[in-house]
Amino acid sequence: MRVLVIGAGEVGTAVTIYLSRLQITAFCLELDHPTSLKRMKSFCQAVFVGGFEVEGVTARRVTTLEQLNKALVDNIIPVLTSSSKFLSDIQYDIVVNTAPTQFKFQGVTISTNWGIEGLTASIVIQKSGCYAGTRQKQQKMSEPELIGGYSFEREARAEIGGRWTAKRGIGEFVKIGDPIGVIESDEGGLQTESGECLNRKMDAVTHRRGQLSVCAPVSGLLLGLLETGAVVLKNQLLCEIDPLCDAAFVYTLSTRARCVAGSVICELMAWQSIRDRAI
């Protein structure tokens, strides 16, 4: 069985690692500039640095079909991007879609995203806390994992669209109000005399004409941070903070990602069993 995993963020990485441990051939498809935040535990980082290891499994960016096949022979997870010219040449049996896309893939698709059941997916897995249920359509945005009593409060989102530049790094400790990045935009905004960040309910920002400085909404370790150079939309997630300051969370898969990956494996095995009986 060959599985195409759409998205190489944390959930896509967890799914791919589980497949790899079961000796199931899997490869990832990512954006040319991934928008995943938790890059220190995601195969999408291979797009930026060429190769990356998560929990003992290595992924490598590939740009040709020959490189993809070579990576599979070497027991390395191939990561290809959406602009790859050989996408139509790739053969797979089933798709696991962990990205928020409405694109229709050929064949059976298992999706881990809400709102697309019956449209582009055969099976939808709901993500909620440490529970992952199948064939359920989630009606609203997944709530972030509760860490140290914080949920949405430990996230920072873009108040305007523009180009993002990160000023800090994943795994660094930040205090509430510390600048973590800047959005450059043609939009105007509030102006402040000082360079101090303004604390708000959900995040802290400083507006200048054409520029918005995003600051830490709570104190803690930067669990996830958008890579510099990304073009962001209004309300797009920019960072996640761990107020408990547990460095292990930065580099190891979360309980939620593991639960979702486990549910995906169950559905894959069920699908394979049905297919084998039909042969």
Protein backbone atom coordinates (compact mmCIF):
# COMPACT_ATOMS: atom_id res chain seq x y z
CA MET A 1 0.00 0.00 0.00
CA ARG A 2 1.26 3.47 -0.94
CA VAL A 3 -0.10 6.48 0.95
CA LEU A 4 0.10 10.13 -0.09
CA VAL A 5 -0.02 12.39 2.98
CA ILE A 6 -1.11 15.94 2.18
CA GLY A 7 0.56 18.34 4.60
CA ALA A 8 3.76 17.72 6.56
CA GLY A 9 2.87 19.66 9.70
CA GLU A 10 2.70 17.98 13.10
CA VAL A 11 -0.38 15.84 12.34
CA GLY A 12 0.86 14.88 8.88
CA THR A 13 4.24 14.02 10.38
CA ALA A 14 2.63 11.85 13.07
CA VAL A 15 0.59 9.99 10.44
CA THR A 16 3.67 9.46 8.28
CA ILE A 17 5.78 8.22 11.20
CA TYR A 18 3.09 5.72 12.20
CA LEU A 19 2.86 4.48 8.62
CA SER A 20 6.64 4.17 8.42
CA ARG A 21 6.75 2.06 11.59
CA LEU A 22 4.19 -0.27 10.03
CA GLN A 23 6.39 -0.61 6.93
CA ILE A 24 3.76 1.16 4.81
CA THR A 25 5.15 3.29 1.99
CA ALA A 26 4.30 6.96 2.55
CA PHE A 27 5.36 10.32 1.15
CA CYS A 28 4.35 13.89 1.97
CA LEU A 29 3.13 16.76 -0.19
CA GLU A 30 3.71 20.28 1.14
CA LEU A 31 3.48 23.90 0.06
CA ASP A 32 6.52 25.58 -1.47
CA HIS A 33 6.59 27.74 1.67
CA PRO A 34 5.01 25.70 4.49
CA THR A 35 2.85 27.54 7.02
CA SER A 36 3.10 24.99 9.83
CA LEU A 37 4.22 26.54 13.13
CA LYS A 38 5.59 23.51 15.01
CA ARG A 39 8.45 23.00 12.58
CA MET A 40 10.83 21.42 15.09
CA LYS A 41 8.61 18.32 15.10
CA SER A 42 7.35 18.42 11.53
CA PHE A 43 8.68 17.08 8.26
CA CYS A 44 7.75 20.37 6.57
CA GLN A 45 11.07 21.67 7.92
CA ALA A 46 12.75 19.54 5.26
CA VAL A 47 11.39 21.97 2.66
CA PHE A 48 13.50 24.72 4.24
CA VAL A 49 16.66 22.78 5.18
CA GLY A 50 16.67 19.80 2.78
CA GLY A 51 16.32 17.06 5.38
CA PHE A 52 14.88 16.74 8.88
CA GLU A 53 14.46 14.06 11.55
CA VAL A 54 11.54 13.65 13.95
CA GLU A 55 11.53 10.93 16.61
CA GLY A 56 14.08 8.81 14.77
CA VAL A 57 12.44 9.03 11.33
CA THR A 58 14.13 11.10 8.61
CA ALA A 59 12.45 13.06 5.83
CA ARG A 60 14.11 14.54 2.76
CA ARG A 61 12.94 17.10 0.24
CA VAL A 62 12.79 15.66 -3.27
CA THR A 63 12.49 17.52 -6.57
CA THR A 64 12.38 14.64 -9.06
CA LEU A 65 10.68 11.26 -9.31
CA GLU A 66 14.10 9.60 -9.22
CA GLN A 67 14.91 11.31 -5.91
CA LEU A 68 11.55 10.21 -4.50
CA ASN A 69 12.15 6.57 -5.40
CA LYS A 70 15.72 6.75 -4.05
CA ALA A 71 14.45 8.13 -0.73
CA LEU A 72 11.95 5.28 -0.43
CA VAL A 73 14.70 2.72 -1.08
CA ASP A 74 16.78 4.38 1.68
CA ASN A 75 13.81 4.22 4.12
CA ILE A 76 13.58 8.01 4.11
CA ILE A 77 10.28 9.89 3.88
CA PRO A 78 10.14 11.91 0.64
CA VAL A 79 8.72 15.43 0.93
CA LEU A 80 7.67 17.03 -2.33
CA THR A 81 6.15 20.45 -2.88
CA SER A 82 3.03 21.59 -4.68
CA SER A 83 5.04 23.05 -7.57
CA SER A 84 6.72 19.71 -8.36
CA LYS A 85 6.32 18.92 -12.04
CA PHE A 86 6.13 15.14 -11.49
CA LEU A 87 3.03 15.10 -9.26
CA SER A 88 0.92 13.45 -11.96
CA ASP A 89 3.48 10.63 -12.22
CA ILE A 90 3.18 9.59 -8.57
CA GLN A 91 1.24 6.40 -7.89
CA TYR A 92 -0.63 5.93 -4.62
CA ASP A 93 -3.51 3.86 -3.26
CA ILE A 94 -5.02 6.26 -0.75
CA VAL A 95 -4.73 9.90 0.33
CA VAL A 96 -4.55 11.18 3.91
CA ASN A 97 -5.32 14.90 3.83
CA THR A 98 -4.08 16.76 6.92
CA ALA A 99 -4.08 20.18 5.24
CA PRO A 100 -7.02 22.64 5.07
CA THR A 101 -7.50 22.20 1.33
CA GLN A 102 -10.63 21.58 -0.74
CA PHE A 103 -8.69 20.00 -3.62
CA LYS A 104 -10.23 16.77 -4.89
CA PHE A 105 -7.75 13.90 -5.00
CA GLN A 106 -8.24 10.74 -7.00
CA GLY A 107 -9.47 7.73 -5.06
CA VAL A 108 -10.24 7.32 -1.36
CA THR A 109 -9.32 10.25 0.88
CA ILE A 110 -9.13 10.29 4.67
CA SER A 111 -9.25 13.85 5.99
CA THR A 112 -8.34 15.20 9.42
CA ASN A 113 -10.00 18.55 8.80
CA TRP A 114 -13.47 19.84 9.59
CA GLY A 115 -15.99 21.14 7.10
CA ILE A 116 -15.17 19.03 4.04
CA GLU A 117 -17.03 15.77 4.72
CA GLY A 118 -18.79 14.55 1.61
CA LEU A 119 -17.09 17.23 -0.50
CA THR A 120 -13.49 16.10 -0.88
CA ALA A 121 -13.18 13.28 1.65
CA SER A 122 -14.48 9.75 2.05
CA ILE A 123 -13.73 9.67 5.80
CA VAL A 124 -13.33 12.62 8.16
CA ILE A 125 -11.56 12.36 11.52
CA GLN A 126 -12.53 14.90 14.15
CA LYS A 127 -9.78 16.43 16.29
CA SER A 128 -10.76 17.48 19.80
CA GLY A 129 -8.41 17.44 22.77
CA CYS A 130 -6.94 13.94 23.19
CA TYR A 131 -9.86 12.30 21.40
CA ALA A 132 -10.08 11.56 17.70
CA GLY A 133 -13.40 10.30 16.38
CA THR A 134 -14.07 9.10 12.85
CA ARG A 135 -16.81 9.97 10.38
CA GLN A 136 -17.77 13.08 12.30
CA LYS A 137 -17.89 16.54 10.82
CA GLN A 138 -16.41 19.15 13.11
CA GLN A 139 -18.45 22.35 13.05
CA LYS A 140 -15.92 24.87 14.32
CA MET A 141 -12.24 25.59 14.53
CA SER A 142 -10.31 23.06 16.61
CA GLU A 143 -9.57 24.47 20.03
CA PRO A 144 -5.84 24.50 20.84
CA GLU A 145 -4.61 22.04 23.41
CA LEU A 146 -5.02 23.26 26.98
CA ILE A 147 -1.52 23.84 28.38
CA GLY A 148 -0.99 25.42 31.77
CA GLY A 149 -4.61 26.59 31.84
CA TYR A 150 -4.26 28.45 28.51
CA SER A 151 -5.90 27.59 25.21
CA PHE A 152 -6.58 30.30 22.62
CA GLU A 153 -4.82 32.75 24.96
CA ARG A 154 -1.41 31.28 24.14
CA GLU A 155 -1.77 31.94 20.41
CA ALA A 156 -0.97 35.08 18.42
CA ARG A 157 -2.74 35.79 15.14
CA ALA A 158 -2.26 38.35 12.39
CA GLU A 159 -4.47 41.42 12.66
CA ILE A 160 -3.60 42.43 9.09
CA GLY A 161 -2.30 40.66 6.01
CA GLY A 162 1.25 41.07 4.78
CA ARG A 163 4.72 39.54 4.77
CA TRP A 164 5.90 37.98 8.01
CA THR A 165 9.38 38.29 9.53
CA ALA A 166 10.13 36.31 12.69
CA LYS A 167 12.30 38.00 15.33
CA ARG A 168 12.62 35.03 17.68
CA GLY A 169 13.18 31.28 17.31
CA ILE A 170 11.25 28.15 18.22
CA GLY A 171 12.23 26.91 21.67
CA GLU A 172 13.18 30.36 22.97
CA PHE A 173 11.69 31.73 26.17
CA VAL A 174 9.62 34.90 25.80
CA LYS A 175 7.87 37.10 28.30
CA ILE A 176 4.41 38.52 27.76
CA GLY A 177 4.75 41.57 25.52
CA ASP A 178 8.11 40.58 23.99
CA PRO A 179 8.22 41.21 20.22
CA ILE A 180 8.30 37.94 18.28
CA GLY A 181 7.86 39.17 14.72
CA VAL A 182 6.75 41.87 12.31
CA ILE A 183 4.16 41.97 9.52
CA GLU A 184 4.96 44.36 6.67
CA SER A 185 1.80 45.57 4.95
CA ASP A 186 0.50 48.30 2.69
CA GLU A 187 -2.40 48.78 5.07
CA GLY A 188 -2.34 51.68 7.47
CA GLY A 189 -2.97 51.23 11.14
CA LEU A 190 -2.88 52.74 14.57
CA GLN A 191 0.30 54.64 15.32
CA THR A 192 2.12 54.74 18.63
CA GLU A 193 4.80 57.10 19.80
CA SER A 194 6.71 54.40 21.71
CA GLY A 195 7.92 51.04 20.49
CA GLU A 196 6.17 49.17 23.29
CA CYS A 197 3.70 46.46 22.47
CA LEU A 198 0.05 46.86 23.34
CA ASN A 199 -1.38 44.00 25.39
CA ARG A 200 -4.79 42.81 24.22
CA LYS A 201 -7.10 39.95 25.08
CA MET A 202 -5.80 37.57 22.44
CA ASP A 203 -2.42 38.98 21.52
CA ALA A 204 -0.18 42.02 21.79
CA VAL A 205 0.64 44.25 18.84
CA THR A 206 2.19 47.58 17.96
CA HIS A 207 0.77 49.35 14.92
CA ARG A 208 2.83 51.66 12.77
CA ARG A 209 1.99 52.86 9.30
CA GLY A 210 2.55 49.81 7.08
CA GLN A 211 4.00 47.71 9.89
CA LEU A 212 2.60 45.61 12.71
CA SER A 213 4.78 44.18 15.48
CA VAL A 214 3.38 40.98 16.98
CA CYS A 215 4.24 40.26 20.60
CA ALA A 216 3.96 37.33 22.97
CA PRO A 217 0.42 37.03 24.43
CA VAL A 218 1.70 35.01 27.42
CA SER A 219 5.08 34.09 28.91
CA GLY A 220 6.63 30.73 28.02
CA LEU A 221 8.54 28.77 25.38
CA LEU A 222 7.82 29.34 21.71
CA LEU A 223 6.28 26.01 20.78
CA GLY A 224 5.59 27.02 17.18
CA LEU A 225 6.47 30.00 15.01
CA LEU A 226 5.77 30.80 11.38
CA GLU A 227 8.88 30.82 9.19
CA THR A 228 10.18 34.18 7.95
CA GLY A 229 9.06 35.15 4.45
CA ALA A 230 5.53 33.78 4.60
CA VAL A 231 2.72 35.92 3.19
CA VAL A 232 0.04 35.89 5.89
CA LEU A 233 -3.68 36.59 5.80
CA LYS A 234 -5.66 38.42 8.43
CA ASN A 235 -6.35 36.19 11.46
CA GLN A 236 -3.73 33.63 10.37
CA LEU A 237 -1.99 31.84 13.24
CA LEU A 238 1.55 33.13 13.79
CA CYS A 239 2.81 31.46 16.95
CA GLU A 240 1.96 29.13 19.82
CA ILE A 241 3.48 29.41 23.29
CA ASP A 242 3.92 26.76 25.98
CA PRO A 243 3.40 28.51 29.34
CA LEU A 244 4.72 25.42 31.17
CA CYS A 245 8.11 25.85 29.47
CA ASP A 246 8.50 22.12 28.79
CA ALA A 247 11.21 21.86 26.14
CA ALA A 248 10.12 18.30 25.29
CA PHE A 249 6.90 19.68 23.77
CA VAL A 250 8.98 21.57 21.20
CA TYR A 251 10.55 18.45 19.69
CA THR A 252 8.12 15.57 20.38
CA LEU A 253 4.69 14.90 18.91
CA SER A 254 1.70 15.95 20.98
CA THR A 255 -0.89 13.57 22.39
CA ARG A 256 -3.46 15.02 20.01
CA ALA A 257 -1.31 14.38 16.94
CA ARG A 258 -0.67 10.80 18.06
CA CYS A 259 -4.39 10.17 18.66
CA VAL A 260 -5.32 11.49 15.23
CA ALA A 261 -2.56 9.42 13.62
CA GLY A 262 -3.84 6.33 15.44
CA SER A 263 -7.36 6.94 14.13
CA VAL A 264 -6.00 7.34 10.61
CA ILE A 265 -4.17 4.02 10.90
CA CYS A 266 -7.39 2.30 12.06
CA GLU A 267 -9.30 3.63 9.07
CA LEU A 268 -6.48 2.66 6.70
CA MET A 269 -6.46 -0.89 8.04
CA ALA A 270 -10.25 -1.12 7.74
CA TRP A 271 -10.11 0.15 4.15
CA GLN A 272 -7.33 -2.30 3.26
CA SER A 273 -9.28 -5.19 4.80
CA ILE A 274 -12.38 -4.33 2.75
CA ARG A 275 -10.29 -3.98 -0.41
CA ASP A 276 -8.52 -7.31 0.14
CA ARG A 277 -11.83 -9.14 0.66
CA ALA A 278 -13.14 -7.68 -2.58
CA ILE A 279 -10.21 -9.00 -4.58
